[in-house]
C-alpha cells in the first residue's frame, strides 16, 4: 500500500478525492430535489400551506376575496 503513495502525491490525491465527493454529494441532492417524491423543499411549503388552510378553517376567515 505504501508504494501507491509513491506514485501519487497524497495532498493532491486527497484534495481531488474530497472535491469529487463534494461534487457527487451536490449532484445527488440536486437530483433528489428534481424528483416529486424526494423534494423536501416543496413538501415543506405544502405543509405550511396545509397548516394555513387548517388555521383558516378553524377561525372561519378566508384570505381569498
PDB file of N, CA and C in Angstrom:
ATOM      1  N   UNK A   1       0.819  -1.198   0.000  1.00  0.00           N
ATOM      2  CA  UNK A   1       0.000   0.000   0.000  1.00  0.00           C
ATOM      3  C   UNK A   1       0.868   1.270   0.000  1.00  0.00           C
ATOM      4  N   UNK A   2       1.982   1.209   0.696  1.00  0.00           N
ATOM      5  CA  UNK A   2       2.814   2.409   0.785  1.00  0.00           C
ATOM      6  C   UNK A   2       3.415   2.790  -0.556  1.00  0.00           C
ATOM      7  N   UNK A   3       3.536   1.821  -1.445  1.00  0.00           N
ATOM      8  CA  UNK A   3       4.090   2.123  -2.770  1.00  0.00           C
ATOM      9  C   UNK A   3       3.111   2.919  -3.626  1.00  0.00           C
ATOM     10  N   UNK A   4       1.833   2.793  -3.314  1.00  0.00           N
ATOM     11  CA  UNK A   4       0.828   3.577  -4.046  1.00  0.00           C
ATOM     12  C   UNK A   4       1.079   5.064  -3.860  1.00  0.00           C
ATOM     13  N   UNK A   5       1.454   5.453  -2.613  1.00  0.00           N
ATOM     14  CA  UNK A   5       1.674   6.871  -2.332  1.00  0.00           C
ATOM     15  C   UNK A   5       2.977   7.382  -2.934  1.00  0.00           C
ATOM     16  N   UNK A   6       3.818   6.472  -3.404  1.00  0.00           N
ATOM     17  CA  UNK A   6       5.000   6.907  -4.138  1.00  0.00           C
ATOM     18  C   UNK A   6       4.631   7.329  -5.560  1.00  0.00           C
ATOM     19  N   UNK A   7       3.534   6.783  -6.072  1.00  0.00           N
ATOM     20  CA  UNK A   7       3.072   7.149  -7.412  1.00  0.00           C
ATOM     21  C   UNK A   7       2.261   8.438  -7.405  1.00  0.00           C
ATOM     22  N   UNK A   8       1.491   8.646  -6.320  1.00  0.00           N
ATOM     23  CA  UNK A   8       0.599   9.809  -6.230  1.00  0.00           C
ATOM     24  C   UNK A   8       1.024  10.696  -5.071  1.00  0.00           C
ATOM     25  N   UNK A   9       0.927  12.002  -5.277  1.00  0.00           N
ATOM     26  CA  UNK A   9       1.158  12.941  -4.189  1.00  0.00           C
ATOM     27  C   UNK A   9      -0.051  12.877  -3.250  1.00  0.00           C
ATOM     28  N   UNK A  10       0.140  12.544  -1.977  1.00  0.00           N
ATOM     29  CA  UNK A  10      -1.003  12.371  -1.069  1.00  0.00           C
ATOM     30  C   UNK A  10      -1.865  13.624  -0.935  1.00  0.00           C
ATOM     31  N   UNK A  11      -1.254  14.797  -0.896  1.00  0.00           N
ATOM     32  CA  UNK A  11      -2.046  16.025  -0.756  1.00  0.00           C
ATOM     33  C   UNK A  11      -2.949  16.247  -1.957  1.00  0.00           C
ATOM     34  N   UNK A  12      -2.393  16.091  -3.139  1.00  0.00           N
ATOM     35  CA  UNK A  12      -3.202  16.292  -4.347  1.00  0.00           C
ATOM     36  C   UNK A  12      -4.277  15.225  -4.472  1.00  0.00           C
ATOM     37  N   UNK A  13      -3.936  13.987  -4.109  1.00  0.00           N
ATOM     38  CA  UNK A  13      -4.910  12.900  -4.201  1.00  0.00           C
ATOM     39  C   UNK A  13      -6.070  13.124  -3.233  1.00  0.00           C
ATOM     40  N   UNK A  14      -5.776  13.545  -2.007  1.00  0.00           N
ATOM     41  CA  UNK A  14      -6.839  13.770  -1.020  1.00  0.00           C
ATOM     42  C   UNK A  14      -7.692  14.981  -1.378  1.00  0.00           C
ATOM     43  N   UNK A  15      -7.069  16.031  -1.880  1.00  0.00           N
ATOM     44  CA  UNK A  15      -7.841  17.197  -2.316  1.00  0.00           C
ATOM     45  C   UNK A  15      -8.754  16.816  -3.472  1.00  0.00           C
ATOM     46  N   UNK A  16      -8.237  16.050  -4.407  1.00  0.00           N
ATOM     47  CA  UNK A  16      -9.063  15.606  -5.537  1.00  0.00           C
ATOM     48  C   UNK A  16     -10.196  14.701  -5.059  1.00  0.00           C
ATOM     49  N   UNK A  17      -9.915  13.824  -4.109  1.00  0.00           N
ATOM     50  CA  UNK A  17     -10.949  12.934  -3.567  1.00  0.00           C
ATOM     51  C   UNK A  17     -12.052  13.732  -2.888  1.00  0.00           C
ATOM     52  N   UNK A  18     -11.692  14.690  -2.038  1.00  0.00           N
ATOM     53  CA  UNK A  18     -12.698  15.489  -1.338  1.00  0.00           C
ATOM     54  C   UNK A  18     -13.488  16.369  -2.305  1.00  0.00           C
ATOM     55  N   UNK A  19     -12.836  16.895  -3.318  1.00  0.00           N
ATOM     56  CA  UNK A  19     -13.552  17.693  -4.315  1.00  0.00           C
ATOM     57  C   UNK A  19     -14.547  16.824  -5.077  1.00  0.00           C
ATOM     58  N   UNK A  20     -14.130  15.633  -5.465  1.00  0.00           N
ATOM     59  CA  UNK A  20     -15.027  14.711  -6.157  1.00  0.00           C
ATOM     60  C   UNK A  20     -16.220  14.350  -5.281  1.00  0.00           C
ATOM     61  N   UNK A  21     -15.983  14.060  -4.007  1.00  0.00           N
ATOM     62  CA  UNK A  21     -17.079  13.692  -3.107  1.00  0.00           C
ATOM     63  C   UNK A  21     -18.044  14.858  -2.887  1.00  0.00           C
ATOM     64  N   UNK A  22     -17.530  16.077  -2.817  1.00  0.00           N
ATOM     65  CA  UNK A  22     -18.398  17.242  -2.655  1.00  0.00           C
ATOM     66  C   UNK A  22     -19.273  17.440  -3.890  1.00  0.00           C
ATOM     67  N   UNK A  23     -18.695  17.316  -5.065  1.00  0.00           N
ATOM     68  CA  UNK A  23     -19.468  17.450  -6.304  1.00  0.00           C
ATOM     69  C   UNK A  23     -20.499  16.331  -6.410  1.00  0.00           C
ATOM     70  N   UNK A  24     -20.123  15.128  -6.040  1.00  0.00           N
ATOM     71  CA  UNK A  24     -21.054  13.998  -6.068  1.00  0.00           C
ATOM     72  C   UNK A  24     -22.215  14.219  -5.101  1.00  0.00           C
ATOM     73  N   UNK A  25     -21.928  14.721  -3.908  1.00  0.00           N
ATOM     74  CA  UNK A  25     -22.990  14.992  -2.930  1.00  0.00           C
ATOM     75  C   UNK A  25     -23.952  16.057  -3.449  1.00  0.00           C
ATOM     76  N   UNK A  26     -23.426  17.127  -4.028  1.00  0.00           N
ATOM     77  CA  UNK A  26     -24.293  18.166  -4.591  1.00  0.00           C
ATOM     78  C   UNK A  26     -25.136  17.621  -5.733  1.00  0.00           C
ATOM     79  N   UNK A  27     -24.538  16.817  -6.581  1.00  0.00           N
ATOM     80  CA  UNK A  27     -25.263  16.221  -7.699  1.00  0.00           C
ATOM     81  C   UNK A  27     -26.406  15.341  -7.203  1.00  0.00           C
ATOM     82  N   UNK A  28     -26.139  14.517  -6.206  1.00  0.00           N
ATOM     83  CA  UNK A  28     -27.186  13.648  -5.662  1.00  0.00           C
ATOM     84  C   UNK A  28     -28.312  14.475  -5.057  1.00  0.00           C
ATOM     85  N   UNK A  29     -27.979  15.519  -4.316  1.00  0.00           N
ATOM     86  CA  UNK A  29     -29.019  16.349  -3.706  1.00  0.00           C
ATOM     87  C   UNK A  29     -29.852  17.067  -4.766  1.00  0.00           C
ATOM     88  N   UNK A  30     -29.224  17.573  -5.809  1.00  0.00           N
ATOM     89  CA  UNK A  30     -29.993  18.244  -6.857  1.00  0.00           C
ATOM     90  C   UNK A  30     -30.865  17.263  -7.633  1.00  0.00           C
ATOM     91  N   UNK A  31     -30.377  16.047  -7.825  1.00  0.00           N
ATOM     92  CA  UNK A  31     -31.209  15.031  -8.479  1.00  0.00           C
ATOM     93  C   UNK A  31     -32.422  14.719  -7.613  1.00  0.00           C
ATOM     94  N   UNK A  32     -32.221  14.584  -6.310  1.00  0.00           N
ATOM     95  CA  UNK A  32     -33.348  14.314  -5.415  1.00  0.00           C
ATOM     96  C   UNK A  32     -34.331  15.481  -5.386  1.00  0.00           C
ATOM     97  N   UNK A  33     -33.819  16.703  -5.424  1.00  0.00           N
ATOM     98  CA  UNK A  33     -34.712  17.865  -5.428  1.00  0.00           C
ATOM     99  C   UNK A  33     -35.534  17.949  -6.703  1.00  0.00           C
ATOM    100  N   UNK A  34     -35.050  17.361  -7.775  1.00  0.00           N
ATOM    101  CA  UNK A  34     -35.782  17.430  -9.039  1.00  0.00           C
ATOM    102  C   UNK A  34     -36.894  16.392  -9.124  1.00  0.00           C
ATOM    103  N   UNK A  35     -36.939  15.445  -8.188  1.00  0.00           N
ATOM    104  CA  UNK A  35     -37.993  14.433  -8.208  1.00  0.00           C
ATOM    105  C   UNK A  35     -39.172  14.890  -7.369  1.00  0.00           C
ATOM    106  N   UNK A  36     -40.344  14.397  -7.694  1.00  0.00           N
ATOM    107  CA  UNK A  36     -41.550  14.767  -6.961  1.00  0.00           C
ATOM    108  C   UNK A  36     -41.573  14.127  -5.573  1.00  0.00           C
ATOM    109  N   UNK A  37     -41.105  12.905  -5.490  1.00  0.00           N
ATOM    110  CA  UNK A  37     -41.200  12.166  -4.226  1.00  0.00           C
ATOM    111  C   UNK A  37     -40.213  12.659  -3.171  1.00  0.00           C
ATOM    112  N   UNK A  38     -39.011  13.010  -3.565  1.00  0.00           N
ATOM    113  CA  UNK A  38     -37.954  13.334  -2.611  1.00  0.00           C
ATOM    114  C   UNK A  38     -37.634  14.826  -2.530  1.00  0.00           C
ATOM    115  N   UNK A  39     -38.487  15.682  -3.056  1.00  0.00           N
ATOM    116  CA  UNK A  39     -38.245  17.120  -2.981  1.00  0.00           C
ATOM    117  C   UNK A  39     -38.729  17.622  -1.628  1.00  0.00           C
ATOM    118  N   UNK A  40     -37.822  17.720  -0.660  1.00  0.00           N
ATOM    119  CA  UNK A  40     -38.191  18.104   0.692  1.00  0.00           C
ATOM    120  C   UNK A  40     -38.518  19.590   0.794  1.00  0.00           C
ATOM    121  N   UNK A  41     -38.036  20.404  -0.126  1.00  0.00           N
ATOM    122  CA  UNK A  41     -38.350  21.831  -0.073  1.00  0.00           C
ATOM    123  C   UNK A  41     -39.794  22.072  -0.505  1.00  0.00           C
ATOM    124  N   UNK A  42     -40.249  21.376  -1.516  1.00  0.00           N
ATOM    125  CA  UNK A  42     -41.629  21.509  -1.970  1.00  0.00           C
ATOM    126  C   UNK A  42     -42.585  20.949  -0.926  1.00  0.00           C
ATOM    127  N   UNK A  43     -42.214  19.872  -0.267  1.00  0.00           N
ATOM    128  CA  UNK A  43     -43.042  19.267   0.772  1.00  0.00           C
ATOM    129  C   UNK A  43     -43.205  20.219   1.944  1.00  0.00           C
ATOM    130  N   UNK A  44     -42.154  20.935   2.302  1.00  0.00           N
ATOM    131  CA  UNK A  44     -42.241  21.880   3.416  1.00  0.00           C
ATOM    132  C   UNK A  44     -43.220  22.999   3.094  1.00  0.00           C
ATOM    133  N   UNK A  45     -43.235  23.483   1.867  1.00  0.00           N
ATOM    134  CA  UNK A  45     -44.177  24.539   1.509  1.00  0.00           C
ATOM    135  C   UNK A  45     -45.600  24.006   1.495  1.00  0.00           C
ATOM    136  N   UNK A  46     -45.786  22.736   1.138  1.00  0.00           N
ATOM    137  CA  UNK A  46     -47.120  22.142   1.192  1.00  0.00           C
ATOM    138  C   UNK A  46     -47.604  22.019   2.624  1.00  0.00           C
ATOM    139  N   UNK A  47     -46.705  21.690   3.544  1.00  0.00           N
ATOM    140  CA  UNK A  47     -47.080  21.590   4.953  1.00  0.00           C
ATOM    141  C   UNK A  47     -47.495  22.959   5.471  1.00  0.00           C
ATOM    142  N   UNK A  48     -46.739  24.002   5.119  1.00  0.00           N
ATOM    143  CA  UNK A  48     -47.101  25.352   5.540  1.00  0.00           C
ATOM    144  C   UNK A  48     -48.464  25.742   4.986  1.00  0.00           C
ATOM    145  N   UNK A  49     -48.707  25.450   3.728  1.00  0.00           N
ATOM    146  CA  UNK A  49     -49.989  25.777   3.109  1.00  0.00           C
ATOM    147  C   UNK A  49     -51.115  25.006   3.775  1.00  0.00           C
ATOM    148  N   UNK A  50     -50.888  23.740   4.076  1.00  0.00           N
ATOM    149  CA  UNK A  50     -51.904  22.928   4.742  1.00  0.00           C
ATOM    150  C   UNK A  50     -52.203  23.476   6.126  1.00  0.00           C
ATOM    151  N   UNK A  51     -51.177  23.896   6.855  1.00  0.00           N
ATOM    152  CA  UNK A  51     -51.388  24.473   8.179  1.00  0.00           C
ATOM    153  C   UNK A  51     -52.165  25.781   8.075  1.00  0.00           C
ATOM    154  N   UNK A  52     -51.877  26.592   7.069  1.00  0.00           N
ATOM    155  CA  UNK A  52     -52.603  27.848   6.895  1.00  0.00           C
ATOM    156  C   UNK A  52     -54.069  27.585   6.595  1.00  0.00           C
ATOM    157  N   UNK A  53     -54.347  26.611   5.753  1.00  0.00           N
ATOM    158  CA  UNK A  53     -55.729  26.271   5.420  1.00  0.00           C
ATOM    159  C   UNK A  53     -56.444  25.754   6.658  1.00  0.00           C
ATOM    160  N   UNK A  54     -55.767  24.942   7.460  1.00  0.00           N
ATOM    161  CA  UNK A  54     -56.379  24.418   8.681  1.00  0.00           C
ATOM    162  C   UNK A  54     -56.680  25.547   9.662  1.00  0.00           C
ATOM    163  N   UNK A  55     -55.769  26.496   9.785  1.00  0.00           N
ATOM    164  CA  UNK A  55     -55.994  27.633  10.688  1.00  0.00           C
ATOM    165  C   UNK A  55     -57.157  28.486  10.192  1.00  0.00           C
ATOM    166  N   UNK A  56     -57.263  28.688   8.891  1.00  0.00           N
ATOM    167  CA  UNK A  56     -58.362  29.472   8.338  1.00  0.00           C
ATOM    168  C   UNK A  56     -59.687  28.757   8.542  1.00  0.00           C
ATOM    169  N   UNK A  57     -59.676  27.443   8.446  1.00  0.00           N
ATOM    170  CA  UNK A  57     -60.909  26.679   8.648  1.00  0.00           C
ATOM    171  C   UNK A  57     -61.354  26.769  10.098  1.00  0.00           C
ATOM    172  N   UNK A  58     -60.418  26.807  11.021  1.00  0.00           N
ATOM    173  CA  UNK A  58     -60.765  26.899  12.437  1.00  0.00           C
ATOM    174  C   UNK A  58     -61.306  28.281  12.781  1.00  0.00           C
ATOM    175  N   UNK A  59     -60.702  29.323  12.225  1.00  0.00           N
ATOM    176  CA  UNK A  59     -61.123  30.682  12.560  1.00  0.00           C
ATOM    177  C   UNK A  59     -62.281  31.156  11.699  1.00  0.00           C
ATOM    178  N   UNK A  60     -62.508  30.507  10.582  1.00  0.00           N
ATOM    179  CA  UNK A  60     -63.601  30.897   9.698  1.00  0.00           C
ATOM    180  C   UNK A  60     -63.267  32.066   8.800  1.00  0.00           C
ATOM    181  N   UNK A  61     -62.013  32.497   8.789  1.00  0.00           N
ATOM    182  CA  UNK A  61     -61.595  33.622   7.952  1.00  0.00           C
ATOM    183  C   UNK A  61     -61.023  33.093   6.647  1.00  0.00           C
ATOM    184  N   UNK A  62     -61.202  33.856   5.600  1.00  0.00           N
ATOM    185  CA  UNK A  62     -60.649  33.491   4.305  1.00  0.00           C
ATOM    186  C   UNK A  62     -59.824  34.649   3.778  1.00  0.00           C
ATOM    187  N   UNK A  63     -58.668  34.331   3.223  1.00  0.00           N
ATOM    188  CA  UNK A  63     -57.827  35.377   2.635  1.00  0.00           C
ATOM    189  C   UNK A  63     -58.182  35.605   1.180  1.00  0.00           C
ATOM    190  N   UNK A  64     -59.058  34.782   0.630  1.00  0.00           N
ATOM    191  CA  UNK A  64     -59.475  34.935  -0.758  1.00  0.00           C
ATOM    192  C   UNK A  64     -60.653  35.904  -0.816  1.00  0.00           C
ATOM    193  N   UNK A  65     -60.453  37.040  -1.385  1.00  0.00           N
ATOM    194  CA  UNK A  65     -61.555  37.981  -1.576  1.00  0.00           C
ATOM    195  C   UNK A  65     -61.040  39.273  -2.146  1.00  0.00           C
TER     196      UNK A  65
END
